[in-house]
C-alpha atoms as a PDB file:
ATOM      1  CA  MET A   1     130.537 127.405  97.654  1.00  0.00           C
ATOM      2  CA  HIS A   2     127.047 127.109  96.128  1.00  0.00           C
ATOM      3  CA  GLU A   3     128.305 126.662  92.559  1.00  0.00           C
ATOM      4  CA  LEU A   4     131.092 124.329  93.672  1.00  0.00           C
ATOM      5  CA  ARG A   5     128.513 122.064  95.283  1.00  0.00           C
ATOM      6  CA  HIS A   6     126.545 122.036  92.008  1.00  0.00           C
ATOM      7  CA  ASN A   7     129.714 120.805  90.308  1.00  0.00           C
ATOM      8  CA  LEU A   8     129.847 118.043  92.918  1.00  0.00           C
ATOM      9  CA  GLY A   9     126.321 116.968  91.923  1.00  0.00           C
ATOM     10  CA  GLN A  10     124.162 118.635  94.568  1.00  0.00           C
ATOM     11  CA  PHE A  11     120.771 120.128  93.697  1.00  0.00           C
ATOM     12  CA  HIS A  12     119.054 123.078  95.329  1.00  0.00           C
ATOM     13  CA  GLU A  13     117.621 122.216  98.727  1.00  0.00           C
ATOM     14  CA  GLN A  14     114.226 123.717  97.852  1.00  0.00           C
ATOM     15  CA  SER A  15     114.078 121.306  94.883  1.00  0.00           C
ATOM     16  CA  ARG A  16     114.017 118.200  97.092  1.00  0.00           C
ATOM     17  CA  PRO A  17     111.152 115.781  96.370  1.00  0.00           C
ATOM     18  CA  ASP A  18     109.787 116.455  99.886  1.00  0.00           C
ATOM     19  CA  ARG A  19     110.136 120.240  99.802  1.00  0.00           C
ATOM     20  CA  ASP A  20     106.360 120.908  99.874  1.00  0.00           C
ATOM     21  CA  GLN A  21     106.340 119.695 103.478  1.00  0.00           C
ATOM     22  CA  TYR A  22     108.705 122.521 104.460  1.00  0.00           C
ATOM     23  CA  VAL A  23     108.389 125.528 102.139  1.00  0.00           C
ATOM     24  CA  ASP A  24     105.777 127.256 100.029  1.00  0.00           C
ATOM     25  CA  VAL A  25     106.766 128.335  96.529  1.00  0.00           C
ATOM     26  CA  HIS A  26     104.958 131.493  95.436  1.00  0.00           C
ATOM     27  CA  TRP A  27     104.883 130.829  91.697  1.00  0.00           C
ATOM     28  CA  ASP A  28     103.058 134.054  90.860  1.00  0.00           C
ATOM     29  CA  GLU A  29     105.927 136.068  92.387  1.00  0.00           C
ATOM     30  CA  ILE A  30     108.683 134.384  90.332  1.00  0.00           C
ATOM     31  CA  GLU A  31     109.930 135.737  87.004  1.00  0.00           C
ATOM     32  CA  ALA A  32     108.292 133.529  84.340  1.00  0.00           C
ATOM     33  CA  ASP A  33     111.577 132.516  82.712  1.00  0.00           C
ATOM     34  CA  LYS A  34     113.086 131.590  86.101  1.00  0.00           C
ATOM     35  CA  ARG A  35     110.345 129.268  87.386  1.00  0.00           C
ATOM     36  CA  HIS A  36     112.270 126.191  86.232  1.00  0.00           C
ATOM     37  CA  ASN A  37     114.765 126.909  89.026  1.00  0.00           C
ATOM     38  CA  PHE A  38     112.046 125.983  91.536  1.00  0.00           C
ATOM     39  CA  TYR A  39     110.955 122.651  90.035  1.00  0.00           C
ATOM     40  CA  LYS A  40     111.274 119.688  92.349  1.00  0.00           C
ATOM     41  CA  THR A  41     113.505 116.711  91.726  1.00  0.00           C
ATOM     42  CA  TYR A  42     111.919 113.276  91.913  1.00  0.00           C
ATOM     43  CA  ALA A  43     112.940 110.675  94.456  1.00  0.00           C
ATOM     44  CA  THR A  44     115.508 108.046  93.566  1.00  0.00           C
ATOM     45  CA  GLY A  45     113.689 105.031  92.181  1.00  0.00           C
ATOM     46  CA  ALA A  46     110.453 106.918  91.502  1.00  0.00           C
ATOM     47  CA  ASP A  47     109.059 107.210  88.000  1.00  0.00           C
ATOM     48  CA  PRO A  48     110.050 110.460  86.300  1.00  0.00           C
ATOM     49  CA  ILE A  49     107.179 112.886  85.943  1.00  0.00           C
ATOM     50  CA  PRO A  50     106.617 113.462  82.235  1.00  0.00           C
ATOM     51  CA  SER A  51     105.457 117.003  81.731  1.00  0.00           C
ATOM     52  CA  ASN A  52     105.527 120.013  79.517  1.00  0.00           C
ATOM     53  CA  CYS A  53     106.635 122.148  82.451  1.00  0.00           C
ATOM     54  CA  ASN A  54     108.937 124.453  80.543  1.00  0.00           C
ATOM     55  CA  THR A  55     106.030 125.418  78.324  1.00  0.00           C
ATOM     56  CA  VAL A  56     103.259 125.476  80.912  1.00  0.00           C
ATOM     57  CA  CYS A  57     105.091 127.195  83.765  1.00  0.00           C
ATOM     58  CA  SER A  58     106.892 129.796  81.704  1.00  0.00           C
ATOM     59  CA  GLU A  59     103.677 131.081  80.150  1.00  0.00           C
ATOM     60  CA  THR A  60     101.861 134.159  81.375  1.00  0.00           C
ATOM     61  CA  VAL A  61      98.792 132.038  82.065  1.00  0.00           C
ATOM     62  CA  TYR A  62      99.546 128.977  84.193  1.00  0.00           C
ATOM     63  CA  THR A  63      98.394 127.348  87.410  1.00  0.00           C
ATOM     64  CA  ALA A  64     100.429 126.931  90.557  1.00  0.00           C
ATOM     65  CA  GLU A  65      99.284 123.304  90.660  1.00  0.00           C
ATOM     66  CA  ASP A  66     100.861 122.727  87.235  1.00  0.00           C
ATOM     67  CA  CYS A  67     104.153 124.121  88.456  1.00  0.00           C
ATOM     68  CA  ASP A  68     104.001 122.230  91.774  1.00  0.00           C
ATOM     69  CA  ALA A  69     103.684 119.003  89.783  1.00  0.00           C
ATOM     70  CA  CYS A  70     106.786 119.742  87.743  1.00  0.00           C
ATOM     71  CA  ALA A  71     109.847 117.677  88.481  1.00  0.00           C
ATOM     72  CA  ARG A  72     113.147 117.233  86.755  1.00  0.00           C
ATOM     73  CA  SER A  73     116.151 115.089  87.522  1.00  0.00           C
ATOM     74  CA  GLU A  74     116.389 112.244  89.967  1.00  0.00           C
ATOM     75  CA  ALA A  75     117.753 113.048  93.415  1.00  0.00           C
ATOM     76  CA  THR A  76     118.057 111.600  96.895  1.00  0.00           C
ATOM     77  CA  THR A  77     117.738 113.220 100.305  1.00  0.00           C
ATOM     78  CA  PHE A  78     120.115 110.637 101.842  1.00  0.00           C
ATOM     79  CA  ASP A  79     117.466 110.364 104.576  1.00  0.00           C
ATOM     80  CA  LEU A  80     118.777 113.617 106.029  1.00  0.00           C
ATOM     81  CA  ALA A  81     116.592 116.440 107.325  1.00  0.00           C
ATOM     82  CA  TYR A  82     115.452 119.360 105.190  1.00  0.00           C
ATOM     83  CA  ASP A  83     117.833 122.273 105.703  1.00  0.00           C
ATOM     84  CA  PRO A  84     116.314 125.741 105.147  1.00  0.00           C
ATOM     85  CA  PHE A  85     119.686 127.334 106.006  1.00  0.00           C
ATOM     86  CA  SER A  86     121.718 125.285 103.524  1.00  0.00           C
ATOM     87  CA  VAL A  87     124.172 127.040 101.241  1.00  0.00           C
ATOM     88  CA  MET A  88     122.156 125.246  98.515  1.00  0.00           C
ATOM     89  CA  HIS A  89     118.810 126.797  99.533  1.00  0.00           C
ATOM     90  CA  TYR A  90     117.479 129.867  97.748  1.00  0.00           C
ATOM     91  CA  GLY A  91     116.688 132.915  99.801  1.00  0.00           C
ATOM     92  CA  ARG A  92     113.145 134.246 100.212  1.00  0.00           C
ATOM     93  CA  THR A  93     113.480 136.754  97.362  1.00  0.00           C
ATOM     94  CA  PHE A  94     115.422 134.859  94.685  1.00  0.00           C
ATOM     95  CA  PHE A  95     114.133 135.539  91.143  1.00  0.00           C
ATOM     96  CA  ALA A  96     111.290 137.756  92.372  1.00  0.00           C
ATOM     97  CA  LYS A  97     109.464 139.560  89.589  1.00  0.00           C
ATOM     98  CA  ALA A  98     109.253 143.324  89.563  1.00  0.00           C
ATOM     99  CA  GLY A  99     106.076 144.853  90.957  1.00  0.00           C
ATOM    100  CA  GLY A 100     105.203 141.928  93.229  1.00  0.00           C
ATOM    101  CA  THR A 101     105.674 141.264  96.919  1.00  0.00           C
ATOM    102  CA  GLY A 102     109.290 140.272  96.330  1.00  0.00           C
ATOM    103  CA  ILE A 103     108.827 136.987  98.204  1.00  0.00           C
ATOM    104  CA  THR A 104     109.224 133.751  96.215  1.00  0.00           C
ATOM    105  CA  LEU A 105     109.807 131.186  98.993  1.00  0.00           C
ATOM    106  CA  THR A 106     108.603 130.976 102.593  1.00  0.00           C
ATOM    107  CA  LEU A 107     109.161 128.453 105.337  1.00  0.00           C
ATOM    108  CA  LYS A 108     105.844 126.828 106.320  1.00  0.00           C
ATOM    109  CA  THR A 109     106.581 127.104 110.046  1.00  0.00           C
ATOM    110  CA  ASP A 110     107.725 130.755 109.897  1.00  0.00           C
ATOM    111  CA  ALA A 111     107.055 132.814 106.765  1.00  0.00           C
ATOM    112  CA  GLU A 112     109.380 135.597 107.983  1.00  0.00           C
ATOM    113  CA  GLN A 113     112.384 133.308 108.561  1.00  0.00           C
ATOM    114  CA  PRO A 114     115.337 134.093 106.278  1.00  0.00           C
ATOM    115  CA  LEU A 115     116.265 131.150 104.059  1.00  0.00           C
ATOM    116  CA  GLY A 116     119.555 129.935 102.636  1.00  0.00           C
ATOM    117  CA  GLY A 117     123.003 130.861 103.793  1.00  0.00           C
ATOM    118  CA  ASN A 118     126.501 131.840 102.742  1.00  0.00           C
ATOM    119  CA  PHE A 119     128.230 129.073 104.688  1.00  0.00           C
ATOM    120  CA  GLN A 120     127.923 125.310 104.680  1.00  0.00           C
ATOM    121  CA  THR A 121     125.791 123.914 107.470  1.00  0.00           C
ATOM    122  CA  GLU A 122     126.415 120.675 109.323  1.00  0.00           C
ATOM    123  CA  LEU A 123     123.708 119.082 107.139  1.00  0.00           C
ATOM    124  CA  ASP A 124     125.447 120.340 103.979  1.00  0.00           C
ATOM    125  CA  ILE A 125     128.589 118.552 105.084  1.00  0.00           C
ATOM    126  CA  GLN A 126     126.664 115.372 105.956  1.00  0.00           C
ATOM    127  CA  LYS A 127     124.963 115.351 102.535  1.00  0.00           C
ATOM    128  CA  LEU A 128     128.226 115.681 100.665  1.00  0.00           C
ATOM    129  CA  ASN A 129     129.791 112.957 102.815  1.00  0.00           C
ATOM    130  CA  ALA A 130     126.811 110.703 102.060  1.00  0.00           C
ATOM    131  CA  ALA A 131     126.988 111.436  98.321  1.00  0.00           C
ATOM    132  CA  TYR A 132     130.634 110.383  98.159  1.00  0.00           C
ATOM    133  CA  SER A 133     130.415 107.589 100.757  1.00  0.00           C
ATOM    134  CA  CYS A 134     132.837 109.344 103.076  1.00  0.00           C
ATOM    135  CA  PRO A 135     133.031 107.844 106.552  1.00  0.00           C
ATOM    136  CA  ALA A 136     131.011 109.587 109.213  1.00  0.00           C
ATOM    137  CA  GLN A 137     133.120 112.055 111.108  1.00  0.00           C
ATOM    138  CA  THR A 138     132.978 111.334 114.810  1.00  0.00           C
ATOM    139  CA  CYS A 139     135.117 114.265 115.829  1.00  0.00           C
ATOM    140  CA  GLY A 140     134.801 117.842 114.650  1.00  0.00           C
ATOM    141  CA  GLY A 141     132.000 119.853 113.156  1.00  0.00           C
ATOM    142  CA  LEU A 142     130.837 123.323 112.253  1.00  0.00           C
ATOM    143  CA  SER A 143     130.721 126.175 114.747  1.00  0.00           C
ATOM    144  CA  MET A 144     128.892 129.405 113.978  1.00  0.00           C
ATOM    145  CA  GLU A 145     128.296 130.389 117.606  1.00  0.00           C
ATOM    146  CA  MET A 146     129.343 133.790 118.918  1.00  0.00           C
ATOM    147  CA  LYS A 147     131.266 132.080 121.759  1.00  0.00           C
ATOM    148  CA  GLY A 148     132.164 128.510 122.413  1.00  0.00           C
ATOM    149  CA  THR A 149     134.616 125.924 123.624  1.00  0.00           C
ATOM    150  CA  ILE A 150     136.001 123.046 121.618  1.00  0.00           C
ATOM    151  CA  VAL A 151     137.363 120.127 123.591  1.00  0.00           C
ATOM    152  CA  VAL A 152     138.971 117.082 122.011  1.00  0.00           C
ATOM    153  CA  ASP A 153     139.488 114.278 124.514  1.00  0.00           C
ATOM    154  CA  ALA A 154     142.404 111.847 124.455  1.00  0.00           C
ATOM    155  CA  ASP A 155     140.404 109.088 122.731  1.00  0.00           C
ATOM    156  CA  GLU A 156     139.667 111.388 119.793  1.00  0.00           C
ATOM    157  CA  MET A 157     143.287 112.343 119.244  1.00  0.00           C
ATOM    158  CA  THR A 158     143.719 109.332 116.967  1.00  0.00           C
ATOM    159  CA  LEU A 159     140.928 110.557 114.659  1.00  0.00           C
ATOM    160  CA  ASN A 160     140.972 113.005 111.793  1.00  0.00           C
ATOM    161  CA  CYS A 161     139.227 115.729 113.759  1.00  0.00           C
ATOM    162  CA  GLN A 162     138.264 118.816 111.775  1.00  0.00           C
ATOM    163  CA  TRP A 163     136.396 121.885 112.974  1.00  0.00           C
ATOM    164  CA  ILE A 164     135.105 124.625 110.703  1.00  0.00           C
ATOM    165  CA  ILE A 165     134.714 127.898 112.580  1.00  0.00           C
ATOM    166  CA  THR A 166     132.977 130.757 110.777  1.00  0.00           C
ATOM    167  CA  ALA A 167     132.087 134.342 111.579  1.00  0.00           C
ATOM    168  CA  PRO A 168     129.876 136.847 109.775  1.00  0.00           C
ATOM    169  CA  PRO A 169     131.566 139.546 107.665  1.00  0.00           C
ATOM    170  CA  GLY A 170     133.051 142.253 109.861  1.00  0.00           C
ATOM    171  CA  TYR A 171     133.637 139.929 112.841  1.00  0.00           C
ATOM    172  CA  LEU A 172     136.925 138.389 113.949  1.00  0.00           C
ATOM    173  CA  ILE A 173     137.608 134.864 115.104  1.00  0.00           C
ATOM    174  CA  VAL A 174     139.719 134.865 118.248  1.00  0.00           C
ATOM    175  CA  MET A 175     141.170 131.549 119.375  1.00  0.00           C
ATOM    176  CA  GLU A 176     142.686 130.902 122.771  1.00  0.00           C
ATOM    177  CA  PHE A 177     144.407 127.601 123.535  1.00  0.00           C
ATOM    178  CA  ASN A 178     144.427 126.457 127.150  1.00  0.00           C
ATOM    179  CA  SER A 179     146.443 123.389 126.273  1.00  0.00           C
ATOM    180  CA  PHE A 180     147.775 121.860 123.125  1.00  0.00           C
ATOM    181  CA  SER A 181     149.729 118.671 122.802  1.00  0.00           C
ATOM    182  CA  VAL A 182     151.255 116.405 120.229  1.00  0.00           C
ATOM    183  CA  ARG A 183     151.148 112.735 121.104  1.00  0.00           C
ATOM    184  CA  TYR A 184     153.278 109.977 119.608  1.00  0.00           C
ATOM    185  CA  GLU A 185     152.489 106.294 120.092  1.00  0.00           C
ATOM    186  CA  LYS A 186     153.400 102.885 118.691  1.00  0.00           C
ATOM    187  CA  ALA A 187     156.430 102.060 116.618  1.00  0.00           C
ATOM    188  CA  ASN A 188     154.924 102.623 113.142  1.00  0.00           C
ATOM    189  CA  SER A 189     152.125 105.081 113.902  1.00  0.00           C
ATOM    190  CA  VAL A 190     152.356 108.767 114.590  1.00  0.00           C
ATOM    191  CA  TYR A 191     149.477 110.718 116.081  1.00  0.00           C
ATOM    192  CA  MET A 192     149.700 114.446 116.065  1.00  0.00           C
ATOM    193  CA  SER A 193     147.607 117.527 116.638  1.00  0.00           C
ATOM    194  CA  PHE A 194     147.958 120.740 114.733  1.00  0.00           C
ATOM    195  CA  VAL A 195     145.992 123.811 113.763  1.00  0.00           C
ATOM    196  CA  LEU A 196     145.696 124.784 110.108  1.00  0.00           C
ATOM    197  CA  MET A 197     144.397 128.325 109.596  1.00  0.00           C
END
């Protein structure tokens, strides 16, 4: 999913222009030839940051400030929140150099918090919808809870309502339907409910 989203034009979450408000990048723990993966993007409409980052930050001698100032490619946040659990966010140990602490990224509010994920989050879906001007989905969503109930009321039956239900490896998804109906209305319109698995 991560690489597919790159093909759709999405950058790494930890490369957002505002990332320094949310995560710390530990430049000295990153393999020198991989530091470019942690450069920020610059905000849409902002002036590009001219730099010699690939030279400065890949050297043995560099400063963290030099690397923090590096930016490549224009990007937008779509005014959506930073998502440390995004499928597009690196984990805490990505590209860690040998012999170091093994930690390259930490969340400012909780340095022990795991980062990144293997599944799309609700924010991932919202960002892709915003990028392609898809209409906001008023029915549906993402469920990663261990237990839950999904209820679609009669007013929502006319909408394209999609739920993504995920489970960690080794777990099963068990679905129980208390009621399920297909509704037809109007002469030229058909409304129907179905489950695609």
